[in-house]
Amino acid sequence: MIGGAVTLVTSFFVKFAEYRAALSAQDWLDLLGLIIFFIGLGLVFSVISQAGFFAYLFIHRFGLSLFRSFWPMVQLLLIGFVVFDLIYLPYKAAEGSIPLYLLILMSFALLAYGIVIANIKAKQTHPRAFVPALFLMVVMTAIEWVPGLQASGTDYAWLMITSLLACNTYQLLILHHLTRTDDEQAKSNAQPKSSKA
């Protein structure tokens, strides 16, 4: 639902010309087709996000067992590598046709958004959650975004990244609520009652 809604809202800005053409011609069937198409596209993006999230859960457990206490440092190195690649690879592929400053802004905007969400996750759970959360928001989102980056033009890249960020943010911030034990749930339910008493 989140992926479909976010992609639909983003499409109003990214594909405004198509909506305007349908509205000016008063072609309601075409307008309905556009809305259904972009909701469906958002649902596909959300499935990609969910697959990436499950892959992240496996990678995180595997990394912990393989690298042990060095796993946070490995994740930070991978985050730096991905941020660099988001600048270097598109610039090289476009042979300089895309301004370098735009790629730098895009990469650092993704990193900044990831830092904000990772901070929220760390405050809601534990400070140790910061690096894994940042890894998900930067590295996994960038991997999931590859099909959008390979599409011709930037429209589908914008549609995809907004949906992926929204879905990944939701999954990350809801995870600890879903995995709480019965004892933790009982304590959190009892706290407001005891404070009132």
Protein backbone atom coordinates (compact mmCIF):
# COMPACT_ATOMS: atom_id res chain seq x y z
CA MET A 1 0.00 0.00 0.00
CA ILE A 2 2.81 2.40 0.89
CA GLY A 3 4.68 1.69 -2.36
CA GLY A 4 1.56 2.15 -4.48
CA ALA A 5 0.53 5.38 -2.75
CA VAL A 6 4.00 6.97 -2.82
CA THR A 7 4.59 6.07 -6.48
CA LEU A 8 1.17 7.45 -7.44
CA VAL A 9 1.85 10.75 -5.66
CA THR A 10 5.34 10.98 -7.19
CA SER A 11 3.91 10.28 -10.65
CA PHE A 12 1.78 13.45 -10.38
CA PHE A 13 5.04 15.43 -10.41
CA VAL A 14 7.27 13.23 -12.59
CA LYS A 15 4.64 12.38 -15.23
CA PHE A 16 2.63 15.59 -15.00
CA ALA A 17 2.52 16.00 -18.81
CA GLU A 18 0.70 12.67 -19.21
CA TYR A 19 -1.87 13.58 -16.56
CA ARG A 20 -2.35 17.02 -18.11
CA ALA A 21 -2.91 15.48 -21.55
CA ALA A 22 -5.54 13.11 -20.18
CA LEU A 23 -7.26 15.88 -18.23
CA SER A 24 -7.26 18.39 -21.10
CA ALA A 25 -8.76 15.79 -23.44
CA GLN A 26 -11.20 14.81 -20.68
CA ASP A 27 -10.22 11.21 -21.31
CA TRP A 28 -11.28 9.74 -17.97
CA LEU A 29 -10.49 6.19 -19.05
CA ASP A 30 -6.92 7.19 -19.89
CA LEU A 31 -6.64 9.00 -16.54
CA LEU A 32 -7.90 5.93 -14.71
CA GLY A 33 -5.42 3.81 -16.67
CA LEU A 34 -2.55 6.09 -15.59
CA ILE A 35 -3.60 5.90 -11.94
CA ILE A 36 -3.92 2.09 -12.02
CA PHE A 37 -0.59 1.77 -13.86
CA PHE A 38 1.37 3.85 -11.35
CA ILE A 39 -0.26 2.16 -8.35
CA GLY A 40 0.66 -1.21 -9.89
CA LEU A 41 4.19 0.00 -10.56
CA GLY A 42 4.48 1.10 -6.94
CA LEU A 43 3.32 -2.34 -5.80
CA VAL A 44 6.11 -3.90 -7.89
CA PHE A 45 8.63 -1.51 -6.31
CA SER A 46 7.36 -2.47 -2.85
CA VAL A 47 7.89 -6.17 -3.64
CA ILE A 48 11.48 -5.36 -4.65
CA SER A 49 11.89 -3.46 -1.38
CA GLN A 50 10.54 -6.36 0.64
CA ALA A 51 12.81 -8.85 -1.13
CA GLY A 52 15.77 -6.56 -0.43
CA PHE A 53 14.76 -6.25 3.22
CA PHE A 54 14.64 -10.02 3.68
CA ALA A 55 18.00 -10.29 1.93
CA TYR A 56 19.36 -7.66 4.32
CA LEU A 57 18.20 -9.68 7.35
CA PHE A 58 20.09 -12.70 6.01
CA ILE A 59 23.20 -10.66 5.11
CA HIS A 60 23.21 -9.06 8.57
CA ARG A 61 23.13 -12.41 10.38
CA PHE A 62 25.74 -13.84 8.00
CA GLY A 63 27.98 -10.79 8.49
CA LEU A 64 27.71 -11.07 12.27
CA SER A 65 28.74 -14.73 12.20
CA LEU A 66 31.57 -14.15 9.71
CA PHE A 67 33.10 -10.83 10.81
CA ARG A 68 31.88 -10.79 14.44
CA SER A 69 32.98 -7.53 16.13
CA PHE A 70 34.36 -6.15 12.83
CA TRP A 71 30.95 -6.32 11.11
CA PRO A 72 30.01 -2.67 11.88
CA MET A 73 33.31 -1.50 10.36
CA VAL A 74 32.75 -3.68 7.28
CA GLN A 75 29.27 -2.18 6.88
CA LEU A 76 30.66 1.37 7.10
CA LEU A 77 33.25 0.54 4.43
CA LEU A 78 30.52 -0.87 2.18
CA ILE A 79 28.39 2.25 2.73
CA GLY A 80 31.33 4.46 1.68
CA PHE A 81 31.97 2.25 -1.35
CA VAL A 82 28.32 2.44 -2.46
CA VAL A 83 28.12 6.22 -2.02
CA PHE A 84 31.26 6.57 -4.16
CA ASP A 85 29.86 4.17 -6.79
CA LEU A 86 26.59 6.12 -7.00
CA ILE A 87 28.69 9.07 -8.11
CA TYR A 88 31.40 7.42 -10.20
CA LEU A 89 29.55 4.71 -12.17
CA PRO A 90 26.67 6.86 -13.53
CA TYR A 91 29.11 9.65 -14.39
CA LYS A 92 31.36 7.24 -16.27
CA ALA A 93 28.42 5.56 -18.04
CA ALA A 94 26.99 8.92 -19.11
CA GLU A 95 30.44 10.03 -20.31
CA GLY A 96 30.10 13.39 -18.59
CA SER A 97 26.64 14.22 -19.95
CA ILE A 98 25.23 14.24 -16.40
CA PRO A 99 26.69 17.05 -14.28
CA LEU A 100 28.92 15.67 -11.56
CA TYR A 101 27.43 17.92 -8.88
CA LEU A 102 23.98 16.37 -9.45
CA LEU A 103 25.34 12.89 -8.84
CA ILE A 104 27.16 14.10 -5.72
CA LEU A 105 23.97 15.74 -4.42
CA MET A 106 21.95 12.57 -5.16
CA SER A 107 24.41 10.33 -3.32
CA PHE A 108 24.75 12.56 -0.31
CA ALA A 109 20.98 13.11 -0.15
CA LEU A 110 20.55 9.32 0.08
CA LEU A 111 23.27 9.17 2.75
CA ALA A 112 21.73 12.07 4.72
CA TYR A 113 18.27 10.47 4.61
CA GLY A 114 19.80 7.19 5.75
CA ILE A 115 21.53 8.91 8.68
CA VAL A 116 18.25 10.52 9.79
CA ILE A 117 16.33 7.22 9.68
CA ALA A 118 19.20 5.32 11.33
CA ASN A 119 19.21 7.88 14.17
CA ILE A 120 15.48 7.38 14.67
CA LYS A 121 15.96 3.60 14.70
CA ALA A 122 18.83 3.87 17.20
CA LYS A 123 16.75 6.08 19.52
CA GLN A 124 13.80 3.69 19.35
CA THR A 125 15.89 0.57 19.98
CA HIS A 126 19.62 0.66 20.82
CA PRO A 127 22.64 2.72 19.65
CA ARG A 128 24.08 -0.47 18.10
CA ALA A 129 21.21 -0.40 15.59
CA PHE A 130 22.55 2.76 13.90
CA VAL A 131 25.09 1.15 11.55
CA PRO A 132 22.87 -1.76 10.38
CA ALA A 133 19.99 0.66 9.80
CA LEU A 134 22.26 2.99 7.80
CA PHE A 135 23.51 -0.02 5.82
CA LEU A 136 19.94 -0.96 4.89
CA MET A 137 18.94 2.58 3.95
CA VAL A 138 22.02 3.23 1.79
CA VAL A 139 23.48 -0.04 0.50
CA MET A 140 20.34 -2.16 0.14
CA THR A 141 18.31 0.74 -1.25
CA ALA A 142 21.03 1.44 -3.84
CA ILE A 143 21.08 -2.24 -4.89
CA GLU A 144 17.28 -2.29 -5.17
CA TRP A 145 17.43 0.94 -7.19
CA VAL A 146 19.67 -0.49 -9.94
CA PRO A 147 16.78 -1.27 -12.38
CA GLY A 148 15.53 2.32 -12.05
CA LEU A 149 18.99 3.72 -12.66
CA GLN A 150 19.38 1.60 -15.80
CA ALA A 151 16.08 2.81 -17.31
CA SER A 152 16.30 5.46 -20.00
CA GLY A 153 15.65 8.92 -18.62
CA THR A 154 15.26 9.84 -14.97
CA ASP A 155 11.48 9.52 -14.56
CA TYR A 156 11.46 5.89 -13.45
CA ALA A 157 14.53 6.41 -11.29
CA TRP A 158 12.60 9.08 -9.34
CA LEU A 159 9.47 6.95 -9.16
CA MET A 160 11.45 3.99 -7.89
CA ILE A 161 13.65 5.72 -5.32
CA THR A 162 10.77 7.46 -3.55
CA SER A 163 8.88 4.18 -3.27
CA LEU A 164 11.94 2.22 -2.12
CA LEU A 165 12.85 4.78 0.53
CA ALA A 166 9.30 4.89 1.87
CA CYS A 167 8.99 1.10 1.99
CA ASN A 168 12.44 0.51 3.47
CA THR A 169 11.85 3.20 6.09
CA TYR A 170 8.55 1.62 7.10
CA GLN A 171 9.98 -1.90 7.27
CA LEU A 172 12.99 -0.77 9.29
CA LEU A 173 11.05 1.28 11.81
CA ILE A 174 8.26 -1.27 12.30
CA LEU A 175 10.54 -4.31 12.66
CA HIS A 176 11.27 -3.99 16.38
CA HIS A 177 7.54 -3.58 17.10
CA LEU A 178 6.81 -6.84 15.30
CA THR A 179 9.63 -8.83 16.90
CA ARG A 180 9.06 -7.86 20.53
CA THR A 181 8.56 -10.81 22.86
CA ASP A 182 5.35 -11.32 24.81
CA ASP A 183 7.07 -10.13 28.01
CA GLU A 184 8.19 -6.88 26.36
CA GLN A 185 4.70 -6.38 24.96
CA ALA A 186 3.15 -6.94 28.37
CA LYS A 187 5.57 -4.45 29.99
CA SER A 188 4.87 -1.77 27.38
CA ASN A 189 1.12 -2.27 27.80
CA ALA A 190 1.41 -2.07 31.58
CA GLN A 191 3.51 1.13 31.65
CA PRO A 192 0.76 3.64 30.76
CA LYS A 193 -1.58 2.02 33.30
CA SER A 194 0.98 2.19 36.10
CA SER A 195 1.82 5.82 35.27
CA LYS A 196 -1.86 6.74 35.52
CA ALA A 197 -2.13 4.98 38.90
